[in-house]
């Protein structure tokens, strides 16, 4: 049985400048998953770097408010929203609060790998 607590997961450098904690990854945790599962946060007033993944991604907002941009579309997001991000789409999220941290879960399918993510400079 594998049980991991978020507080035990170490922050890892995220190319998009979000604070990221990998919760489950098939290669690192030696589990048979077709996806990776992470926790991320964007500090008040901050924006993640635009980036493109080869994989499909889903964000689930746990806390806070933001503005999600996928391609040329932007929408406000809030707690309990799920956001589908198709593969090969330029994406970033902005924390629209000046006081509250934006917290969300990320599911990447198939699992995330550094070689399948491209950071897009502003």
N, C-alpha and C. Protein backbone atom coordinates (compact mmCIF):
# COMPACT_ATOMS: atom_id res chain seq x y z
N UNK A 1 0.84 -1.17 0.00
CA UNK A 1 0.00 0.00 0.00
C UNK A 1 0.89 1.24 0.00
N UNK A 2 0.53 2.19 -0.82
CA UNK A 2 1.28 3.44 -0.89
C UNK A 2 0.37 4.57 -0.42
N UNK A 3 0.78 5.26 0.61
CA UNK A 3 0.07 6.44 1.10
C UNK A 3 1.12 7.54 1.27
N UNK A 4 0.86 8.68 0.66
CA UNK A 4 1.77 9.81 0.78
C UNK A 4 0.99 11.01 1.32
N UNK A 5 1.62 11.74 2.22
CA UNK A 5 1.02 12.95 2.77
C UNK A 5 1.66 14.15 2.10
N UNK A 6 0.86 15.11 1.72
CA UNK A 6 1.35 16.29 1.01
C UNK A 6 2.50 16.96 1.75
N UNK A 7 2.41 17.06 3.06
CA UNK A 7 3.46 17.72 3.83
C UNK A 7 4.79 16.98 3.76
N UNK A 8 4.77 15.71 3.41
CA UNK A 8 5.99 14.92 3.28
C UNK A 8 6.61 15.01 1.90
N UNK A 9 5.90 15.59 0.95
CA UNK A 9 6.40 15.73 -0.42
C UNK A 9 7.25 17.00 -0.50
N UNK A 10 8.45 16.86 -1.01
CA UNK A 10 9.36 18.00 -1.11
C UNK A 10 9.03 18.84 -2.34
N UNK A 11 9.11 20.17 -2.21
CA UNK A 11 8.91 21.02 -3.38
C UNK A 11 9.97 20.72 -4.44
N UNK A 12 9.55 20.74 -5.69
CA UNK A 12 10.49 20.52 -6.79
C UNK A 12 10.46 21.75 -7.69
N UNK A 13 11.57 22.03 -8.35
CA UNK A 13 11.59 23.20 -9.24
C UNK A 13 10.63 22.99 -10.40
N UNK A 14 9.75 23.93 -10.61
CA UNK A 14 8.83 23.87 -11.74
C UNK A 14 9.27 24.91 -12.75
N UNK A 15 9.37 24.51 -13.97
CA UNK A 15 9.81 25.42 -15.02
C UNK A 15 8.88 26.60 -15.21
N UNK A 16 7.62 26.44 -14.81
CA UNK A 16 6.65 27.52 -15.00
C UNK A 16 6.59 28.47 -13.81
N UNK A 17 7.46 28.32 -12.82
CA UNK A 17 7.59 29.17 -11.63
C UNK A 17 6.52 28.93 -10.57
N UNK A 18 5.62 27.97 -10.77
CA UNK A 18 4.68 27.61 -9.72
C UNK A 18 5.45 26.82 -8.65
N UNK A 19 4.96 26.83 -7.43
CA UNK A 19 5.53 25.99 -6.38
C UNK A 19 4.86 24.63 -6.52
N UNK A 20 5.64 23.59 -6.75
CA UNK A 20 5.09 22.28 -7.12
C UNK A 20 5.56 21.21 -6.15
N UNK A 21 4.64 20.32 -5.79
CA UNK A 21 4.97 19.13 -5.01
C UNK A 21 4.39 17.93 -5.76
N UNK A 22 5.26 17.05 -6.17
CA UNK A 22 4.81 15.85 -6.87
C UNK A 22 4.27 14.86 -5.83
N UNK A 23 3.01 14.49 -5.96
CA UNK A 23 2.40 13.57 -5.01
C UNK A 23 2.60 12.13 -5.47
N UNK A 24 2.23 11.85 -6.70
CA UNK A 24 2.41 10.50 -7.26
C UNK A 24 2.93 10.59 -8.68
N UNK A 25 3.96 9.81 -8.96
CA UNK A 25 4.51 9.70 -10.31
C UNK A 25 4.89 8.25 -10.53
N UNK A 26 4.44 7.64 -11.63
CA UNK A 26 4.68 6.21 -11.81
C UNK A 26 6.15 5.81 -11.76
N UNK A 27 7.03 6.64 -12.27
CA UNK A 27 8.46 6.27 -12.27
C UNK A 27 9.10 6.46 -10.91
N UNK A 28 8.77 7.56 -10.23
CA UNK A 28 9.40 7.84 -8.94
C UNK A 28 8.82 7.02 -7.80
N UNK A 29 7.53 6.69 -7.90
CA UNK A 29 6.88 5.95 -6.83
C UNK A 29 6.70 4.47 -7.16
N UNK A 30 7.14 4.07 -8.35
CA UNK A 30 7.06 2.67 -8.78
C UNK A 30 5.64 2.12 -8.62
N UNK A 31 4.68 2.87 -9.19
CA UNK A 31 3.29 2.45 -9.21
C UNK A 31 2.81 2.41 -10.66
N UNK A 32 1.85 1.59 -10.92
CA UNK A 32 1.32 1.43 -12.27
C UNK A 32 0.21 2.44 -12.50
N UNK A 33 0.60 3.65 -12.88
CA UNK A 33 -0.35 4.73 -13.20
C UNK A 33 -0.11 5.18 -14.63
N UNK A 34 -1.16 5.65 -15.26
CA UNK A 34 -1.01 6.23 -16.59
C UNK A 34 -0.92 7.74 -16.54
N UNK A 35 -0.70 8.30 -15.33
CA UNK A 35 -0.67 9.74 -15.15
C UNK A 35 0.21 10.09 -13.97
N UNK A 36 0.53 11.38 -13.84
CA UNK A 36 1.20 11.88 -12.64
C UNK A 36 0.24 12.85 -11.96
N UNK A 37 0.44 13.02 -10.65
CA UNK A 37 -0.49 13.77 -9.81
C UNK A 37 0.32 14.68 -8.90
N UNK A 38 0.07 15.99 -8.99
CA UNK A 38 0.86 16.96 -8.23
C UNK A 38 -0.03 18.02 -7.60
N UNK A 39 0.55 18.70 -6.61
CA UNK A 39 -0.05 19.86 -5.97
C UNK A 39 0.77 21.06 -6.40
N UNK A 40 0.08 22.16 -6.70
CA UNK A 40 0.79 23.38 -7.09
C UNK A 40 0.16 24.58 -6.42
N UNK A 41 0.98 25.62 -6.28
CA UNK A 41 0.43 26.88 -5.79
C UNK A 41 1.13 28.03 -6.49
N UNK A 42 0.35 29.11 -6.63
CA UNK A 42 0.86 30.35 -7.20
C UNK A 42 0.59 31.42 -6.15
N UNK A 43 1.63 32.11 -5.77
CA UNK A 43 1.54 33.10 -4.70
C UNK A 43 0.68 34.30 -5.11
N UNK A 44 0.18 35.05 -4.15
CA UNK A 44 -0.69 36.20 -4.45
C UNK A 44 -0.06 37.15 -5.48
N UNK A 45 -0.88 37.49 -6.48
CA UNK A 45 -0.45 38.43 -7.51
C UNK A 45 0.53 37.88 -8.53
N UNK A 46 0.95 36.63 -8.39
CA UNK A 46 1.94 36.04 -9.30
C UNK A 46 1.25 35.31 -10.46
N UNK A 47 2.04 35.02 -11.49
CA UNK A 47 1.56 34.29 -12.67
C UNK A 47 2.58 33.21 -13.01
N UNK A 48 2.09 32.02 -13.35
CA UNK A 48 3.00 30.98 -13.81
C UNK A 48 3.51 31.37 -15.21
N UNK A 49 4.64 30.82 -15.58
CA UNK A 49 5.19 31.08 -16.91
C UNK A 49 4.36 30.35 -17.96
N UNK A 50 4.15 30.95 -19.12
CA UNK A 50 3.49 30.22 -20.19
C UNK A 50 4.32 28.97 -20.53
N UNK A 51 3.62 27.87 -20.74
CA UNK A 51 4.29 26.62 -21.08
C UNK A 51 3.36 25.73 -21.89
N UNK A 52 3.97 24.78 -22.57
CA UNK A 52 3.24 23.83 -23.40
C UNK A 52 3.65 22.43 -22.99
N UNK A 53 2.68 21.57 -22.78
CA UNK A 53 2.94 20.15 -22.50
C UNK A 53 2.50 19.33 -23.70
N UNK A 54 3.21 18.26 -23.96
CA UNK A 54 2.78 17.32 -24.99
C UNK A 54 1.58 16.51 -24.52
N UNK A 55 1.38 16.44 -23.21
CA UNK A 55 0.34 15.62 -22.62
C UNK A 55 -0.91 16.44 -22.31
N UNK A 56 -1.99 15.73 -22.01
CA UNK A 56 -3.21 16.34 -21.50
C UNK A 56 -3.00 16.66 -20.03
N UNK A 57 -3.59 17.77 -19.58
CA UNK A 57 -3.47 18.15 -18.18
C UNK A 57 -4.84 18.60 -17.65
N UNK A 58 -5.07 18.36 -16.38
CA UNK A 58 -6.27 18.84 -15.70
C UNK A 58 -5.83 19.55 -14.42
N UNK A 59 -6.36 20.75 -14.20
CA UNK A 59 -6.17 21.45 -12.94
C UNK A 59 -7.48 21.34 -12.17
N UNK A 60 -7.37 21.17 -10.85
CA UNK A 60 -8.54 21.24 -9.97
C UNK A 60 -8.21 22.26 -8.89
N UNK A 61 -8.98 23.35 -8.85
CA UNK A 61 -8.70 24.45 -7.94
C UNK A 61 -9.17 24.09 -6.53
N UNK A 62 -8.24 24.10 -5.59
CA UNK A 62 -8.54 23.81 -4.19
C UNK A 62 -8.89 25.07 -3.40
N UNK A 63 -8.17 26.15 -3.70
CA UNK A 63 -8.30 27.37 -2.90
C UNK A 63 -7.88 28.57 -3.73
N UNK A 64 -8.62 29.65 -3.61
CA UNK A 64 -8.23 30.89 -4.25
C UNK A 64 -8.97 31.17 -5.54
N UNK A 65 -8.54 32.23 -6.20
CA UNK A 65 -9.11 32.65 -7.48
C UNK A 65 -7.98 32.92 -8.46
N UNK A 66 -8.29 32.74 -9.72
CA UNK A 66 -7.27 32.98 -10.73
C UNK A 66 -7.87 33.26 -12.09
N UNK A 67 -6.97 33.44 -13.02
CA UNK A 67 -7.35 33.64 -14.43
C UNK A 67 -6.52 32.65 -15.23
N UNK A 68 -7.20 31.67 -15.82
CA UNK A 68 -6.53 30.61 -16.60
C UNK A 68 -6.53 31.00 -18.06
N UNK A 69 -5.38 30.90 -18.69
CA UNK A 69 -5.27 31.15 -20.12
C UNK A 69 -4.80 29.88 -20.80
N UNK A 70 -5.55 29.46 -21.81
CA UNK A 70 -5.20 28.30 -22.64
C UNK A 70 -5.33 28.76 -24.08
N UNK A 71 -4.21 28.79 -24.80
CA UNK A 71 -4.22 29.32 -26.16
C UNK A 71 -4.59 30.80 -26.11
N UNK A 72 -5.64 31.17 -26.85
CA UNK A 72 -6.06 32.58 -26.88
C UNK A 72 -7.27 32.83 -25.96
N UNK A 73 -7.72 31.80 -25.25
CA UNK A 73 -8.87 31.94 -24.36
C UNK A 73 -8.42 32.14 -22.92
N UNK A 74 -9.12 33.05 -22.19
CA UNK A 74 -8.87 33.27 -20.77
C UNK A 74 -10.20 33.26 -20.04
N UNK A 75 -10.23 32.61 -18.87
CA UNK A 75 -11.43 32.55 -18.05
C UNK A 75 -11.04 32.66 -16.58
N UNK A 76 -11.91 33.27 -15.79
CA UNK A 76 -11.72 33.29 -14.35
C UNK A 76 -12.00 31.91 -13.78
N UNK A 77 -11.21 31.51 -12.78
CA UNK A 77 -11.39 30.21 -12.13
C UNK A 77 -11.40 30.41 -10.62
N UNK A 78 -12.04 29.46 -9.93
CA UNK A 78 -12.18 29.56 -8.49
C UNK A 78 -12.22 28.16 -7.88
N UNK A 79 -12.28 28.13 -6.56
CA UNK A 79 -12.35 26.88 -5.81
C UNK A 79 -13.41 25.95 -6.38
N UNK A 80 -13.05 24.67 -6.51
CA UNK A 80 -13.88 23.57 -7.00
C UNK A 80 -14.05 23.54 -8.52
N UNK A 81 -13.32 24.41 -9.26
CA UNK A 81 -13.34 24.35 -10.72
C UNK A 81 -12.33 23.33 -11.21
N UNK A 82 -12.71 22.56 -12.23
CA UNK A 82 -11.80 21.66 -12.93
C UNK A 82 -11.56 22.25 -14.31
N UNK A 83 -10.30 22.27 -14.73
CA UNK A 83 -9.92 22.89 -16.00
C UNK A 83 -9.22 21.85 -16.86
N UNK A 84 -9.77 21.59 -18.03
CA UNK A 84 -9.16 20.65 -18.99
C UNK A 84 -8.21 21.44 -19.89
N UNK A 85 -6.98 20.97 -20.00
CA UNK A 85 -5.97 21.62 -20.83
C UNK A 85 -5.52 20.60 -21.88
N UNK A 86 -5.91 20.80 -23.13
CA UNK A 86 -5.52 19.86 -24.18
C UNK A 86 -4.00 19.86 -24.40
N UNK A 87 -3.48 18.76 -24.94
CA UNK A 87 -2.04 18.73 -25.23
C UNK A 87 -1.67 19.79 -26.28
N UNK A 88 -0.42 20.20 -26.23
CA UNK A 88 0.15 21.14 -27.20
C UNK A 88 -0.45 22.55 -27.14
N UNK A 89 -1.06 22.90 -26.00
CA UNK A 89 -1.65 24.24 -25.88
C UNK A 89 -0.80 25.10 -24.94
N UNK A 90 -0.54 26.32 -25.37
CA UNK A 90 0.14 27.29 -24.52
C UNK A 90 -0.79 27.60 -23.35
N UNK A 91 -0.26 27.54 -22.13
CA UNK A 91 -1.10 27.72 -20.95
C UNK A 91 -0.34 28.43 -19.84
N UNK A 92 -1.10 29.16 -19.02
CA UNK A 92 -0.56 29.72 -17.78
C UNK A 92 -1.73 30.12 -16.90
N UNK A 93 -1.45 30.31 -15.62
CA UNK A 93 -2.49 30.72 -14.67
C UNK A 93 -1.97 31.87 -13.83
N UNK A 94 -2.84 32.85 -13.62
CA UNK A 94 -2.50 34.02 -12.82
C UNK A 94 -3.35 34.00 -11.54
N UNK A 95 -2.71 34.24 -10.43
CA UNK A 95 -3.43 34.38 -9.17
C UNK A 95 -3.97 35.80 -9.12
N UNK A 96 -5.29 35.94 -9.13
CA UNK A 96 -5.90 37.27 -9.18
C UNK A 96 -6.07 37.90 -7.80
N UNK A 97 -5.70 37.19 -6.76
CA UNK A 97 -5.79 37.73 -5.41
C UNK A 97 -4.45 38.34 -5.00
N UNK A 98 -4.51 39.42 -4.27
CA UNK A 98 -3.29 40.03 -3.72
C UNK A 98 -3.01 39.52 -2.31
N UNK A 99 -3.93 38.69 -1.75
CA UNK A 99 -3.79 38.23 -0.37
C UNK A 99 -3.75 36.72 -0.22
N UNK A 100 -4.46 35.99 -1.08
CA UNK A 100 -4.63 34.55 -0.90
C UNK A 100 -3.82 33.77 -1.94
N UNK A 101 -3.19 32.70 -1.49
CA UNK A 101 -2.46 31.81 -2.39
C UNK A 101 -3.46 31.00 -3.21
N UNK A 102 -3.17 30.83 -4.50
CA UNK A 102 -3.97 29.98 -5.38
C UNK A 102 -3.39 28.57 -5.31
N UNK A 103 -4.20 27.60 -4.89
CA UNK A 103 -3.74 26.22 -4.73
C UNK A 103 -4.56 25.31 -5.63
N UNK A 104 -3.89 24.37 -6.30
CA UNK A 104 -4.60 23.46 -7.20
C UNK A 104 -3.86 22.15 -7.35
N UNK A 105 -4.60 21.14 -7.79
CA UNK A 105 -4.04 19.83 -8.12
C UNK A 105 -3.85 19.76 -9.62
N UNK A 106 -2.82 19.04 -10.05
CA UNK A 106 -2.53 18.86 -11.47
C UNK A 106 -2.45 17.36 -11.78
N UNK A 107 -3.18 16.96 -12.78
CA UNK A 107 -3.07 15.59 -13.29
C UNK A 107 -2.56 15.69 -14.72
N UNK A 108 -1.47 15.00 -15.02
CA UNK A 108 -0.88 15.01 -16.35
C UNK A 108 -0.92 13.58 -16.88
N UNK A 109 -1.49 13.42 -18.09
CA UNK A 109 -1.68 12.08 -18.66
C UNK A 109 -1.25 12.08 -20.13
N UNK A 110 -0.32 11.18 -20.53
CA UNK A 110 0.48 10.34 -19.65
C UNK A 110 1.38 11.19 -18.76
N UNK A 111 2.07 10.55 -17.84
CA UNK A 111 2.78 11.25 -16.78
C UNK A 111 3.72 12.33 -17.30
N UNK A 112 3.90 13.35 -16.45
CA UNK A 112 4.77 14.48 -16.76
C UNK A 112 6.21 14.02 -16.88
N UNK A 113 6.93 14.63 -17.81
CA UNK A 113 8.38 14.46 -17.89
C UNK A 113 8.96 15.76 -18.44
N UNK A 114 10.14 16.10 -17.98
CA UNK A 114 10.77 17.38 -18.33
C UNK A 114 10.91 17.54 -19.84
N UNK A 115 11.20 16.46 -20.52
CA UNK A 115 11.42 16.53 -21.97
C UNK A 115 10.15 16.80 -22.77
N UNK A 116 9.00 16.74 -22.12
CA UNK A 116 7.72 16.95 -22.81
C UNK A 116 7.06 18.26 -22.40
N UNK A 117 7.85 19.15 -21.78
CA UNK A 117 7.34 20.46 -21.40
C UNK A 117 8.26 21.53 -21.99
N UNK A 118 7.63 22.55 -22.56
CA UNK A 118 8.40 23.66 -23.13
C UNK A 118 7.93 24.96 -22.48
N UNK A 119 8.87 25.69 -21.87
CA UNK A 119 8.57 26.99 -21.27
C UNK A 119 8.62 28.05 -22.38
N UNK A 120 7.62 28.91 -22.40
CA UNK A 120 7.54 29.96 -23.42
C UNK A 120 7.89 31.29 -22.74
N UNK A 121 9.01 31.91 -23.10
CA UNK A 121 9.38 33.19 -22.47
C UNK A 121 8.35 34.27 -22.78
N UNK A 122 8.16 35.15 -21.80
CA UNK A 122 7.23 36.26 -22.02
C UNK A 122 7.74 37.07 -23.16
